[in-house]
Amino acid sequence: MKVIKSEQQWRELLSPESYQVTRQKGTERAFTGEYWDHFQPGIYTCVACGTPLFASDTKFDAGCGWPSYFEPLNPQNVREETDTSHGMVRTEVLCNVCDAHLGHVFPDGPPPTGLRYCINSLSLRFDPAE
């Protein structure tokens, strides 16, 4: 089920920093996010709607300064779109439930997928394993 809110509702729900990343397609600075070097077992969910996005056992240290995963928890929970901003062509990753900008996916990750989902910490909330 899609989560749709007004811009005012998103502003009230999210911190100014998370709003800038998730609703305005911003990017946090490398090595500054809460989860770039976080490896506790659990699930990373969408900060805007709570949809489960990535499992900690798919997280790896890509050395890029952002949380990186080799696959989403459920492929139906994320959507990919072509991003031609900043003079380059990249693949943007969005929450498929609330359309939050999460980050980008690149074809330079580890096996088994060869993908690197490079995600902003400000797009995520962490739910530790029991």
N, C-alpha and C. Protein backbone atom coordinates (compact mmCIF):
# COMPACT_ATOMS: atom_id res chain seq x y z
N MET A 1 0.84 -1.19 0.00
CA MET A 1 0.00 0.00 0.00
C MET A 1 0.89 1.25 0.00
N LYS A 2 0.64 2.15 -0.90
CA LYS A 2 1.41 3.39 -1.02
C LYS A 2 1.17 4.31 0.17
N VAL A 3 2.23 4.95 0.64
CA VAL A 3 2.13 5.97 1.67
C VAL A 3 2.28 7.32 0.98
N ILE A 4 1.26 8.14 1.05
CA ILE A 4 1.26 9.45 0.40
C ILE A 4 0.97 10.51 1.46
N LYS A 5 1.84 11.50 1.53
CA LYS A 5 1.67 12.60 2.48
C LYS A 5 1.94 13.91 1.75
N SER A 6 1.45 15.00 2.31
CA SER A 6 1.77 16.31 1.76
C SER A 6 3.20 16.67 2.15
N GLU A 7 3.77 17.64 1.46
CA GLU A 7 5.13 18.08 1.81
C GLU A 7 5.17 18.56 3.26
N GLN A 8 4.13 19.23 3.72
CA GLN A 8 4.07 19.69 5.11
C GLN A 8 4.08 18.50 6.07
N GLN A 9 3.33 17.46 5.76
CA GLN A 9 3.31 16.27 6.61
C GLN A 9 4.69 15.61 6.65
N TRP A 10 5.38 15.53 5.50
CA TRP A 10 6.73 14.96 5.48
C TRP A 10 7.67 15.82 6.33
N ARG A 11 7.55 17.13 6.22
CA ARG A 11 8.42 18.03 7.01
C ARG A 11 8.19 17.85 8.51
N GLU A 12 6.96 17.60 8.91
CA GLU A 12 6.64 17.39 10.32
C GLU A 12 7.13 16.04 10.82
N LEU A 13 7.15 15.05 9.95
CA LEU A 13 7.54 13.68 10.31
C LEU A 13 9.05 13.49 10.37
N LEU A 14 9.77 14.12 9.44
CA LEU A 14 11.20 13.88 9.27
C LEU A 14 12.05 15.01 9.84
N SER A 15 13.27 14.69 10.23
CA SER A 15 14.21 15.75 10.59
C SER A 15 14.50 16.58 9.34
N PRO A 16 14.95 17.81 9.48
CA PRO A 16 15.28 18.61 8.28
C PRO A 16 16.30 17.90 7.37
N GLU A 17 17.26 17.21 7.97
CA GLU A 17 18.29 16.51 7.19
C GLU A 17 17.70 15.32 6.43
N SER A 18 16.87 14.53 7.12
CA SER A 18 16.23 13.39 6.45
C SER A 18 15.25 13.85 5.38
N TYR A 19 14.56 14.95 5.63
CA TYR A 19 13.65 15.50 4.63
C TYR A 19 14.43 15.89 3.37
N GLN A 20 15.57 16.55 3.55
CA GLN A 20 16.38 17.00 2.40
C GLN A 20 16.85 15.81 1.58
N VAL A 21 17.24 14.71 2.23
CA VAL A 21 17.69 13.52 1.50
C VAL A 21 16.53 12.78 0.88
N THR A 22 15.51 12.44 1.68
CA THR A 22 14.45 11.55 1.19
C THR A 22 13.44 12.22 0.26
N ARG A 23 13.14 13.47 0.50
CA ARG A 23 12.10 14.14 -0.31
C ARG A 23 12.69 15.04 -1.39
N GLN A 24 13.94 15.50 -1.21
CA GLN A 24 14.55 16.41 -2.18
C GLN A 24 15.76 15.80 -2.87
N LYS A 25 15.95 14.48 -2.70
CA LYS A 25 17.00 13.73 -3.37
C LYS A 25 18.40 14.23 -3.03
N GLY A 26 18.58 14.59 -1.77
CA GLY A 26 19.89 15.04 -1.30
C GLY A 26 20.81 13.87 -1.01
N THR A 27 22.03 14.19 -0.60
CA THR A 27 23.03 13.19 -0.23
C THR A 27 23.79 13.69 0.99
N GLU A 28 23.94 12.82 1.98
CA GLU A 28 24.77 13.19 3.12
C GLU A 28 26.24 13.07 2.73
N ARG A 29 27.10 13.77 3.43
CA ARG A 29 28.54 13.69 3.15
C ARG A 29 29.05 12.30 3.53
N ALA A 30 29.98 11.80 2.76
CA ALA A 30 30.60 10.49 3.03
C ALA A 30 31.21 10.48 4.42
N PHE A 31 31.13 9.32 5.06
CA PHE A 31 31.72 9.07 6.38
C PHE A 31 31.11 9.90 7.51
N THR A 32 29.92 10.46 7.29
CA THR A 32 29.27 11.26 8.34
C THR A 32 27.98 10.63 8.84
N GLY A 33 27.40 9.69 8.10
CA GLY A 33 26.11 9.11 8.46
C GLY A 33 26.22 8.14 9.62
N GLU A 34 25.11 7.96 10.29
CA GLU A 34 25.04 7.12 11.48
C GLU A 34 25.38 5.66 11.20
N TYR A 35 25.11 5.17 9.99
CA TYR A 35 25.22 3.73 9.72
C TYR A 35 26.36 3.33 8.78
N TRP A 36 27.20 4.25 8.34
CA TRP A 36 28.22 3.86 7.36
C TRP A 36 29.16 2.80 7.90
N ASP A 37 29.46 2.80 9.20
CA ASP A 37 30.35 1.79 9.78
C ASP A 37 29.66 0.99 10.88
N HIS A 38 28.36 0.78 10.72
CA HIS A 38 27.50 0.10 11.70
C HIS A 38 27.27 -1.34 11.24
N PHE A 39 27.58 -2.31 12.10
CA PHE A 39 27.45 -3.71 11.68
C PHE A 39 26.72 -4.58 12.68
N GLN A 40 25.82 -4.00 13.48
CA GLN A 40 25.01 -4.76 14.43
C GLN A 40 23.94 -5.55 13.66
N PRO A 41 23.61 -6.77 14.10
CA PRO A 41 22.56 -7.54 13.42
C PRO A 41 21.19 -6.87 13.54
N GLY A 42 20.45 -6.87 12.44
CA GLY A 42 19.12 -6.29 12.44
C GLY A 42 18.66 -5.93 11.04
N ILE A 43 17.64 -5.11 10.97
CA ILE A 43 17.02 -4.70 9.71
C ILE A 43 17.04 -3.18 9.60
N TYR A 44 17.39 -2.69 8.42
CA TYR A 44 17.36 -1.26 8.13
C TYR A 44 16.05 -0.97 7.40
N THR A 45 15.26 -0.04 7.96
CA THR A 45 13.96 0.29 7.40
C THR A 45 13.96 1.72 6.85
N CYS A 46 12.96 2.04 6.09
CA CYS A 46 12.80 3.39 5.55
C CYS A 46 12.48 4.35 6.69
N VAL A 47 13.23 5.44 6.80
CA VAL A 47 13.01 6.42 7.86
C VAL A 47 11.64 7.10 7.72
N ALA A 48 11.12 7.14 6.51
CA ALA A 48 9.87 7.86 6.26
C ALA A 48 8.63 7.02 6.50
N CYS A 49 8.68 5.71 6.19
CA CYS A 49 7.46 4.91 6.29
C CYS A 49 7.64 3.59 7.04
N GLY A 50 8.87 3.24 7.41
CA GLY A 50 9.10 2.02 8.17
C GLY A 50 9.18 0.74 7.37
N THR A 51 9.14 0.82 6.06
CA THR A 51 9.24 -0.37 5.22
C THR A 51 10.60 -1.03 5.39
N PRO A 52 10.66 -2.35 5.62
CA PRO A 52 11.95 -3.05 5.71
C PRO A 52 12.68 -3.01 4.37
N LEU A 53 13.94 -2.55 4.39
CA LEU A 53 14.68 -2.37 3.14
C LEU A 53 15.90 -3.28 3.00
N PHE A 54 16.75 -3.34 4.03
CA PHE A 54 18.00 -4.09 3.93
C PHE A 54 18.26 -4.84 5.23
N ALA A 55 18.82 -6.04 5.11
CA ALA A 55 19.21 -6.84 6.27
C ALA A 55 20.70 -6.63 6.54
N SER A 56 21.06 -6.66 7.82
CA SER A 56 22.46 -6.44 8.19
C SER A 56 23.40 -7.49 7.58
N ASP A 57 22.90 -8.69 7.30
CA ASP A 57 23.79 -9.71 6.74
C ASP A 57 24.08 -9.51 5.25
N THR A 58 23.50 -8.45 4.65
CA THR A 58 23.84 -8.10 3.27
C THR A 58 24.68 -6.82 3.22
N LYS A 59 25.01 -6.28 4.39
CA LYS A 59 25.79 -5.05 4.50
C LYS A 59 27.27 -5.38 4.41
N PHE A 60 28.03 -4.54 3.73
CA PHE A 60 29.47 -4.75 3.63
C PHE A 60 30.18 -3.40 3.63
N ASP A 61 31.47 -3.42 3.94
CA ASP A 61 32.27 -2.20 3.95
C ASP A 61 32.81 -1.96 2.56
N ALA A 62 32.18 -1.04 1.84
CA ALA A 62 32.59 -0.72 0.48
C ALA A 62 33.71 0.32 0.45
N GLY A 63 34.01 0.92 1.61
CA GLY A 63 35.05 1.94 1.68
C GLY A 63 34.63 3.27 1.10
N CYS A 64 33.34 3.43 0.80
CA CYS A 64 32.85 4.65 0.14
C CYS A 64 32.31 5.69 1.13
N GLY A 65 32.09 5.27 2.38
CA GLY A 65 31.59 6.21 3.39
C GLY A 65 30.09 6.25 3.55
N TRP A 66 29.37 5.39 2.84
CA TRP A 66 27.93 5.26 3.00
C TRP A 66 27.60 3.81 3.30
N PRO A 67 26.49 3.56 3.98
CA PRO A 67 26.07 2.17 4.17
C PRO A 67 25.89 1.50 2.80
N SER A 68 26.44 0.30 2.67
CA SER A 68 26.38 -0.42 1.39
C SER A 68 25.89 -1.84 1.61
N TYR A 69 25.03 -2.28 0.70
CA TYR A 69 24.40 -3.60 0.79
C TYR A 69 24.47 -4.25 -0.59
N PHE A 70 24.55 -5.59 -0.63
CA PHE A 70 24.61 -6.24 -1.94
C PHE A 70 23.24 -6.65 -2.48
N GLU A 71 22.19 -6.54 -1.65
CA GLU A 71 20.83 -6.78 -2.16
C GLU A 71 19.81 -6.25 -1.16
N PRO A 72 18.63 -5.87 -1.66
CA PRO A 72 17.55 -5.45 -0.76
C PRO A 72 16.94 -6.67 -0.06
N LEU A 73 16.33 -6.42 1.08
CA LEU A 73 15.64 -7.47 1.83
C LEU A 73 14.52 -8.07 0.99
N ASN A 74 13.71 -7.22 0.39
CA ASN A 74 12.63 -7.64 -0.49
C ASN A 74 12.67 -6.73 -1.72
N PRO A 75 13.00 -7.28 -2.89
CA PRO A 75 13.10 -6.43 -4.09
C PRO A 75 11.85 -5.62 -4.40
N GLN A 76 10.69 -6.06 -3.92
CA GLN A 76 9.45 -5.31 -4.15
C GLN A 76 9.37 -4.04 -3.31
N ASN A 77 10.24 -3.91 -2.29
CA ASN A 77 10.20 -2.74 -1.42
C ASN A 77 11.06 -1.58 -1.93
N VAL A 78 11.87 -1.84 -2.95
CA VAL A 78 12.69 -0.77 -3.53
C VAL A 78 12.39 -0.65 -5.02
N ARG A 79 12.63 0.52 -5.54
CA ARG A 79 12.41 0.80 -6.96
C ARG A 79 13.66 1.49 -7.48
N GLU A 80 14.00 1.22 -8.72
CA GLU A 80 15.16 1.85 -9.34
C GLU A 80 14.70 2.73 -10.50
N GLU A 81 15.31 3.91 -10.60
CA GLU A 81 15.02 4.84 -11.69
C GLU A 81 16.32 5.43 -12.20
N THR A 82 16.35 5.79 -13.47
CA THR A 82 17.51 6.45 -14.03
C THR A 82 17.62 7.86 -13.49
N ASP A 83 18.83 8.23 -13.06
CA ASP A 83 19.12 9.56 -12.50
C ASP A 83 20.18 10.21 -13.37
N THR A 84 19.82 11.30 -14.03
CA THR A 84 20.77 12.00 -14.91
C THR A 84 21.23 13.32 -14.32
N SER A 85 21.04 13.49 -13.01
CA SER A 85 21.48 14.74 -12.36
C SER A 85 23.00 14.78 -12.23
N HIS A 86 23.53 15.95 -11.98
CA HIS A 86 24.97 16.15 -11.73
C HIS A 86 25.85 15.72 -12.90
N GLY A 87 25.31 15.76 -14.12
CA GLY A 87 26.11 15.49 -15.31
C GLY A 87 26.56 14.04 -15.47
N MET A 88 25.85 13.10 -14.83
CA MET A 88 26.19 11.68 -14.99
C MET A 88 24.92 10.86 -15.03
N VAL A 89 25.06 9.59 -15.43
CA VAL A 89 23.92 8.68 -15.46
C VAL A 89 24.14 7.64 -14.36
N ARG A 90 23.21 7.63 -13.41
CA ARG A 90 23.28 6.67 -12.31
C ARG A 90 21.91 6.01 -12.15
N THR A 91 21.86 4.99 -11.31
CA THR A 91 20.59 4.34 -11.01
C THR A 91 20.19 4.69 -9.59
N GLU A 92 19.14 5.49 -9.47
CA GLU A 92 18.63 5.92 -8.17
C GLU A 92 17.83 4.78 -7.54
N VAL A 93 17.92 4.66 -6.20
CA VAL A 93 17.14 3.69 -5.45
C VAL A 93 16.15 4.45 -4.58
N LEU A 94 14.86 4.06 -4.67
CA LEU A 94 13.80 4.70 -3.90
C LEU A 94 13.02 3.66 -3.12
N CYS A 95 12.42 4.07 -2.02
CA CYS A 95 11.47 3.22 -1.31
C CYS A 95 10.24 3.11 -2.21
N ASN A 96 9.83 1.89 -2.49
CA ASN A 96 8.69 1.69 -3.38
C ASN A 96 7.35 1.96 -2.70
N VAL A 97 7.36 2.14 -1.37
CA VAL A 97 6.13 2.38 -0.63
C VAL A 97 5.83 3.87 -0.50
N CYS A 98 6.88 4.68 -0.21
CA CYS A 98 6.63 6.11 0.02
C CYS A 98 7.42 7.03 -0.93
N ASP A 99 8.16 6.44 -1.87
CA ASP A 99 8.94 7.19 -2.86
C ASP A 99 10.11 7.97 -2.27
N ALA A 100 10.57 7.60 -1.06
CA ALA A 100 11.73 8.28 -0.47
C ALA A 100 12.98 7.95 -1.27
N HIS A 101 13.79 8.98 -1.52
CA HIS A 101 15.10 8.77 -2.13
C HIS A 101 15.98 8.09 -1.09
N LEU A 102 16.60 6.96 -1.47
CA LEU A 102 17.47 6.22 -0.56
C LEU A 102 18.94 6.40 -0.90
N GLY A 103 19.26 6.37 -2.17
CA GLY A 103 20.65 6.46 -2.63
C GLY A 103 20.73 5.99 -4.07
N HIS A 104 21.82 5.25 -4.37
CA HIS A 104 22.04 4.75 -5.74
C HIS A 104 22.58 3.33 -5.68
N VAL A 105 22.42 2.60 -6.78
CA VAL A 105 22.97 1.25 -6.88
C VAL A 105 24.00 1.23 -8.01
N PHE A 106 25.11 0.54 -7.76
CA PHE A 106 26.23 0.48 -8.71
C PHE A 106 26.60 -0.98 -8.95
N PRO A 107 27.14 -1.28 -10.15
CA PRO A 107 27.49 -2.67 -10.49
C PRO A 107 28.90 -3.07 -10.05
N ASP A 108 29.34 -2.59 -8.88
CA ASP A 108 30.70 -2.89 -8.42
C ASP A 108 30.73 -3.51 -7.03
N GLY A 109 29.68 -4.24 -6.68
CA GLY A 109 29.58 -4.86 -5.36
C GLY A 109 30.12 -6.28 -5.35
N PRO A 110 30.06 -6.91 -4.19
CA PRO A 110 30.58 -8.26 -4.03
C PRO A 110 29.60 -9.33 -4.51
N PRO A 111 30.07 -10.58 -4.61
CA PRO A 111 29.15 -11.69 -4.86
C PRO A 111 28.17 -11.79 -3.69
N PRO A 112 27.00 -12.33 -3.83
CA PRO A 112 26.58 -13.05 -5.02
C PRO A 112 25.94 -12.18 -6.10
N THR A 113 25.65 -10.92 -5.82
CA THR A 113 24.89 -10.10 -6.78
C THR A 113 25.79 -9.21 -7.65
N GLY A 114 26.96 -8.84 -7.14
CA GLY A 114 27.82 -7.89 -7.85
C GLY A 114 27.30 -6.46 -7.76
N LEU A 115 26.31 -6.22 -6.89
CA LEU A 115 25.72 -4.89 -6.77
C LEU A 115 26.14 -4.23 -5.47
N ARG A 116 26.16 -2.90 -5.49
CA ARG A 116 26.43 -2.10 -4.29
C ARG A 116 25.32 -1.07 -4.16
N TYR A 117 24.38 -1.34 -3.25
CA TYR A 117 23.34 -0.38 -2.93
C TYR A 117 23.96 0.61 -1.95
N CYS A 118 24.27 1.79 -2.43
CA CYS A 118 24.94 2.84 -1.66
C CYS A 118 23.85 3.77 -1.13
N ILE A 119 23.55 3.66 0.17
CA ILE A 119 22.34 4.24 0.75
C ILE A 119 22.69 5.29 1.80
N ASN A 120 21.97 6.38 1.82
CA ASN A 120 22.16 7.42 2.83
C ASN A 120 21.66 6.95 4.19
N SER A 121 22.46 7.13 5.24
CA SER A 121 22.01 6.82 6.60
C SER A 121 20.75 7.61 6.94
N LEU A 122 20.66 8.84 6.45
CA LEU A 122 19.50 9.69 6.75
C LEU A 122 18.19 9.15 6.15
N SER A 123 18.29 8.17 5.26
CA SER A 123 17.11 7.53 4.68
C SER A 123 16.68 6.30 5.48
N LEU A 124 17.47 5.93 6.48
CA LEU A 124 17.28 4.67 7.18
C LEU A 124 16.99 4.84 8.66
N ARG A 125 16.35 3.82 9.21
CA ARG A 125 16.22 3.65 10.67
C ARG A 125 16.61 2.18 10.91
N PHE A 126 17.30 1.92 12.00
CA PHE A 126 17.77 0.57 12.29
C PHE A 126 16.94 -0.10 13.37
N ASP A 127 16.49 -1.32 13.09
CA ASP A 127 15.78 -2.14 14.07
C ASP A 127 16.68 -3.31 14.42
N PRO A 128 17.27 -3.30 15.64
CA PRO A 128 18.18 -4.39 16.01
C PRO A 128 17.47 -5.73 16.11
N ALA A 129 18.23 -6.81 15.85
CA ALA A 129 17.69 -8.17 15.99
C ALA A 129 17.43 -8.43 17.48
N GLU A 130 16.46 -9.26 17.74
CA GLU A 130 16.12 -9.60 19.15
C GLU A 130 17.23 -10.40 19.80
